[in-house]
Amino acid sequence: MKRHIYAKRARWDESGVFGCLEEGWVRELDAGRVTRFEQFVRRLFRIFETPEYFRKENKPYQQMNSNELADYIRGSIRLGSRLPS
């Protein structure tokens, strides 16, 4: 993971590309270590996930079927997460 963003609220713009995030923070990471931390009241971010991504249920991997687990792994890799070997 390269960046971790948390916000209490989020709204997407009309294009669905940018999100206005409110009352949150950003952590920049390098090899799992925090290199930068910033809190914000309101900030615009380019969001690659759709709003539906945040509405879906997050199951523990032990409860996922093979298709769900494959999607989870692909999404994690796309977002820069390192998976255990």
N, C-alpha and C. Protein backbone atom coordinates (compact mmCIF):
# COMPACT_ATOMS: atom_id res chain seq x y z
N MET A 1 0.84 -1.16 0.00
CA MET A 1 0.00 0.00 0.00
C MET A 1 0.90 1.24 0.00
N LYS A 2 0.56 2.18 -0.85
CA LYS A 2 1.35 3.41 -0.96
C LYS A 2 0.72 4.60 -0.25
N ARG A 3 -0.61 4.56 -0.17
CA ARG A 3 -1.32 5.69 0.45
C ARG A 3 -2.57 5.16 1.12
N HIS A 4 -2.86 5.67 2.30
CA HIS A 4 -4.06 5.29 3.05
C HIS A 4 -4.83 6.58 3.32
N ILE A 5 -6.07 6.61 2.87
CA ILE A 5 -6.92 7.78 3.06
C ILE A 5 -8.12 7.37 3.90
N TYR A 6 -8.44 8.19 4.89
CA TYR A 6 -9.63 7.98 5.71
C TYR A 6 -10.44 9.27 5.68
N ALA A 7 -11.76 9.13 5.59
CA ALA A 7 -12.65 10.29 5.68
C ALA A 7 -13.98 9.87 6.28
N LYS A 8 -14.58 10.78 7.04
CA LYS A 8 -15.90 10.49 7.60
C LYS A 8 -16.97 10.51 6.52
N ARG A 9 -16.81 11.40 5.53
CA ARG A 9 -17.78 11.53 4.45
C ARG A 9 -17.07 11.71 3.12
N ALA A 10 -17.75 11.27 2.06
CA ALA A 10 -17.20 11.45 0.71
C ALA A 10 -18.35 11.67 -0.27
N ARG A 11 -18.11 12.56 -1.22
CA ARG A 11 -19.05 12.80 -2.31
C ARG A 11 -18.26 12.82 -3.60
N TRP A 12 -18.79 12.21 -4.65
CA TRP A 12 -18.12 12.23 -5.95
C TRP A 12 -18.65 13.38 -6.77
N ASP A 13 -17.78 13.93 -7.62
CA ASP A 13 -18.23 14.98 -8.53
C ASP A 13 -19.06 14.35 -9.65
N GLU A 14 -19.59 15.17 -10.53
CA GLU A 14 -20.46 14.68 -11.60
C GLU A 14 -19.76 13.72 -12.54
N SER A 15 -18.44 13.86 -12.71
CA SER A 15 -17.71 12.97 -13.60
C SER A 15 -17.47 11.61 -12.97
N GLY A 16 -17.60 11.52 -11.65
CA GLY A 16 -17.34 10.26 -10.97
C GLY A 16 -15.86 9.96 -10.80
N VAL A 17 -15.00 10.93 -11.08
CA VAL A 17 -13.55 10.73 -11.01
C VAL A 17 -12.97 11.30 -9.72
N PHE A 18 -13.47 12.45 -9.30
CA PHE A 18 -12.93 13.11 -8.12
C PHE A 18 -13.91 13.01 -6.96
N GLY A 19 -13.36 12.81 -5.79
CA GLY A 19 -14.18 12.75 -4.59
C GLY A 19 -13.82 13.88 -3.66
N CYS A 20 -14.84 14.51 -3.11
CA CYS A 20 -14.63 15.53 -2.08
C CYS A 20 -14.74 14.80 -0.75
N LEU A 21 -13.62 14.65 -0.06
CA LEU A 21 -13.57 13.95 1.21
C LEU A 21 -13.55 14.95 2.34
N GLU A 22 -14.24 14.62 3.43
CA GLU A 22 -14.37 15.54 4.55
C GLU A 22 -13.96 14.87 5.86
N GLU A 23 -13.32 15.68 6.72
CA GLU A 23 -12.91 15.26 8.06
C GLU A 23 -12.12 13.96 8.03
N GLY A 24 -10.91 14.04 7.52
CA GLY A 24 -10.11 12.83 7.41
C GLY A 24 -8.62 13.07 7.49
N TRP A 25 -7.89 12.07 7.02
CA TRP A 25 -6.43 12.15 7.02
C TRP A 25 -5.87 11.31 5.88
N VAL A 26 -4.61 11.60 5.54
CA VAL A 26 -3.88 10.87 4.51
C VAL A 26 -2.55 10.43 5.10
N ARG A 27 -2.20 9.18 4.87
CA ARG A 27 -0.88 8.67 5.23
C ARG A 27 -0.20 8.21 3.95
N GLU A 28 1.01 8.73 3.69
CA GLU A 28 1.83 8.25 2.59
C GLU A 28 2.78 7.21 3.17
N LEU A 29 2.94 6.09 2.47
CA LEU A 29 3.74 4.98 2.97
C LEU A 29 4.85 4.60 2.00
N ASP A 30 5.94 4.14 2.55
CA ASP A 30 7.04 3.60 1.75
C ASP A 30 7.55 2.36 2.49
N ALA A 31 7.42 1.21 1.85
CA ALA A 31 7.82 -0.07 2.45
C ALA A 31 7.16 -0.27 3.81
N GLY A 32 5.88 0.13 3.92
CA GLY A 32 5.14 -0.05 5.14
C GLY A 32 5.38 0.98 6.23
N ARG A 33 6.27 1.93 5.98
CA ARG A 33 6.56 2.98 6.97
C ARG A 33 5.88 4.28 6.55
N VAL A 34 5.34 4.99 7.52
CA VAL A 34 4.67 6.27 7.26
C VAL A 34 5.73 7.32 6.95
N THR A 35 5.62 7.93 5.77
CA THR A 35 6.56 8.98 5.37
C THR A 35 5.93 10.37 5.46
N ARG A 36 4.59 10.42 5.51
CA ARG A 36 3.90 11.70 5.59
C ARG A 36 2.51 11.46 6.17
N PHE A 37 2.07 12.37 7.01
CA PHE A 37 0.73 12.31 7.59
C PHE A 37 0.13 13.70 7.53
N GLU A 38 -1.11 13.78 7.05
CA GLU A 38 -1.78 15.08 6.94
C GLU A 38 -3.26 14.92 7.25
N GLN A 39 -3.78 15.78 8.11
CA GLN A 39 -5.21 15.81 8.39
C GLN A 39 -5.85 16.88 7.51
N PHE A 40 -7.12 16.70 7.20
CA PHE A 40 -7.82 17.70 6.40
C PHE A 40 -9.27 17.83 6.85
N VAL A 41 -9.83 19.00 6.60
CA VAL A 41 -11.25 19.25 6.85
C VAL A 41 -12.04 18.88 5.61
N ARG A 42 -11.56 19.34 4.44
CA ARG A 42 -12.19 19.03 3.16
C ARG A 42 -11.10 19.04 2.11
N ARG A 43 -11.10 18.01 1.27
CA ARG A 43 -10.06 17.92 0.24
C ARG A 43 -10.57 17.11 -0.94
N LEU A 44 -10.12 17.49 -2.14
CA LEU A 44 -10.49 16.81 -3.37
C LEU A 44 -9.41 15.79 -3.71
N PHE A 45 -9.81 14.55 -4.00
CA PHE A 45 -8.89 13.49 -4.38
C PHE A 45 -9.37 12.85 -5.67
N ARG A 46 -8.44 12.38 -6.46
CA ARG A 46 -8.81 11.52 -7.58
C ARG A 46 -9.02 10.13 -7.00
N ILE A 47 -10.21 9.59 -7.18
CA ILE A 47 -10.58 8.29 -6.62
C ILE A 47 -10.76 7.31 -7.76
N PHE A 48 -10.02 6.20 -7.73
CA PHE A 48 -10.10 5.22 -8.80
C PHE A 48 -11.23 4.22 -8.59
N GLU A 49 -11.69 4.07 -7.35
CA GLU A 49 -12.82 3.19 -7.08
C GLU A 49 -14.12 3.98 -7.26
N THR A 50 -15.16 3.27 -7.63
CA THR A 50 -16.47 3.90 -7.77
C THR A 50 -17.14 3.96 -6.40
N PRO A 51 -18.17 4.78 -6.26
CA PRO A 51 -18.89 4.81 -4.97
C PRO A 51 -19.41 3.42 -4.57
N GLU A 52 -19.77 2.60 -5.54
CA GLU A 52 -20.28 1.25 -5.25
C GLU A 52 -19.25 0.41 -4.52
N TYR A 53 -17.98 0.62 -4.81
CA TYR A 53 -16.91 -0.13 -4.15
C TYR A 53 -16.99 0.05 -2.63
N PHE A 54 -17.32 1.24 -2.18
CA PHE A 54 -17.36 1.54 -0.76
C PHE A 54 -18.67 1.12 -0.11
N ARG A 55 -19.66 0.81 -0.92
CA ARG A 55 -20.95 0.37 -0.38
C ARG A 55 -21.02 -1.13 -0.21
N LYS A 56 -20.12 -1.86 -0.87
CA LYS A 56 -20.22 -3.32 -0.83
C LYS A 56 -19.73 -3.88 0.51
N GLU A 57 -20.20 -5.06 0.79
CA GLU A 57 -19.83 -5.74 2.03
C GLU A 57 -18.38 -6.21 1.95
N ASN A 58 -17.64 -6.01 3.02
CA ASN A 58 -16.26 -6.49 3.10
C ASN A 58 -16.23 -7.75 3.93
N LYS A 59 -16.13 -8.87 3.25
CA LYS A 59 -16.08 -10.17 3.94
C LYS A 59 -14.64 -10.50 4.31
N PRO A 60 -14.46 -11.20 5.41
CA PRO A 60 -13.12 -11.75 5.68
C PRO A 60 -12.78 -12.76 4.59
N TYR A 61 -11.50 -12.87 4.25
CA TYR A 61 -11.12 -13.75 3.14
C TYR A 61 -11.55 -15.19 3.38
N GLN A 62 -11.66 -15.61 4.63
CA GLN A 62 -12.06 -16.98 4.93
C GLN A 62 -13.50 -17.27 4.51
N GLN A 63 -14.31 -16.21 4.34
CA GLN A 63 -15.71 -16.38 3.96
C GLN A 63 -15.96 -16.13 2.48
N MET A 64 -14.90 -15.82 1.71
CA MET A 64 -15.06 -15.53 0.28
C MET A 64 -15.03 -16.82 -0.53
N ASN A 65 -15.82 -16.82 -1.62
CA ASN A 65 -15.70 -17.93 -2.56
C ASN A 65 -14.51 -17.64 -3.48
N SER A 66 -14.18 -18.54 -4.37
CA SER A 66 -12.97 -18.39 -5.19
C SER A 66 -13.02 -17.16 -6.10
N ASN A 67 -14.19 -16.84 -6.65
CA ASN A 67 -14.31 -15.65 -7.51
C ASN A 67 -14.13 -14.37 -6.70
N GLU A 68 -14.74 -14.30 -5.52
CA GLU A 68 -14.60 -13.12 -4.66
C GLU A 68 -13.15 -12.94 -4.22
N LEU A 69 -12.50 -14.05 -3.87
CA LEU A 69 -11.11 -13.99 -3.44
C LEU A 69 -10.20 -13.53 -4.58
N ALA A 70 -10.43 -14.03 -5.78
CA ALA A 70 -9.63 -13.61 -6.94
C ALA A 70 -9.82 -12.11 -7.20
N ASP A 71 -11.06 -11.62 -7.12
CA ASP A 71 -11.32 -10.18 -7.30
C ASP A 71 -10.62 -9.36 -6.22
N TYR A 72 -10.68 -9.85 -4.99
CA TYR A 72 -10.03 -9.16 -3.87
C TYR A 72 -8.52 -9.07 -4.09
N ILE A 73 -7.90 -10.16 -4.51
CA ILE A 73 -6.45 -10.17 -4.75
C ILE A 73 -6.09 -9.24 -5.89
N ARG A 74 -6.83 -9.28 -7.01
CA ARG A 74 -6.55 -8.38 -8.14
C ARG A 74 -6.68 -6.93 -7.71
N GLY A 75 -7.72 -6.60 -6.96
CA GLY A 75 -7.91 -5.23 -6.48
C GLY A 75 -6.81 -4.79 -5.54
N SER A 76 -6.38 -5.67 -4.67
CA SER A 76 -5.29 -5.34 -3.74
C SER A 76 -3.99 -5.07 -4.48
N ILE A 77 -3.70 -5.89 -5.46
CA ILE A 77 -2.47 -5.70 -6.26
C ILE A 77 -2.56 -4.40 -7.03
N ARG A 78 -3.72 -4.10 -7.61
CA ARG A 78 -3.90 -2.86 -8.38
C ARG A 78 -3.68 -1.63 -7.50
N LEU A 79 -4.06 -1.74 -6.23
CA LEU A 79 -3.90 -0.62 -5.31
C LEU A 79 -2.51 -0.56 -4.67
N GLY A 80 -1.64 -1.51 -5.04
CA GLY A 80 -0.27 -1.47 -4.54
C GLY A 80 -0.02 -2.22 -3.25
N SER A 81 -0.98 -3.03 -2.82
CA SER A 81 -0.79 -3.80 -1.59
C SER A 81 0.16 -4.96 -1.85
N ARG A 82 0.96 -5.26 -0.86
CA ARG A 82 1.81 -6.44 -0.92
C ARG A 82 1.08 -7.58 -0.24
N LEU A 83 1.00 -8.70 -0.92
CA LEU A 83 0.31 -9.86 -0.38
C LEU A 83 1.32 -10.84 0.19
N PRO A 84 0.95 -11.54 1.26
CA PRO A 84 1.89 -12.52 1.82
C PRO A 84 2.12 -13.65 0.83
N SER A 85 3.32 -14.24 0.89
CA SER A 85 3.61 -15.37 -0.03
C SER A 85 3.26 -16.68 0.59
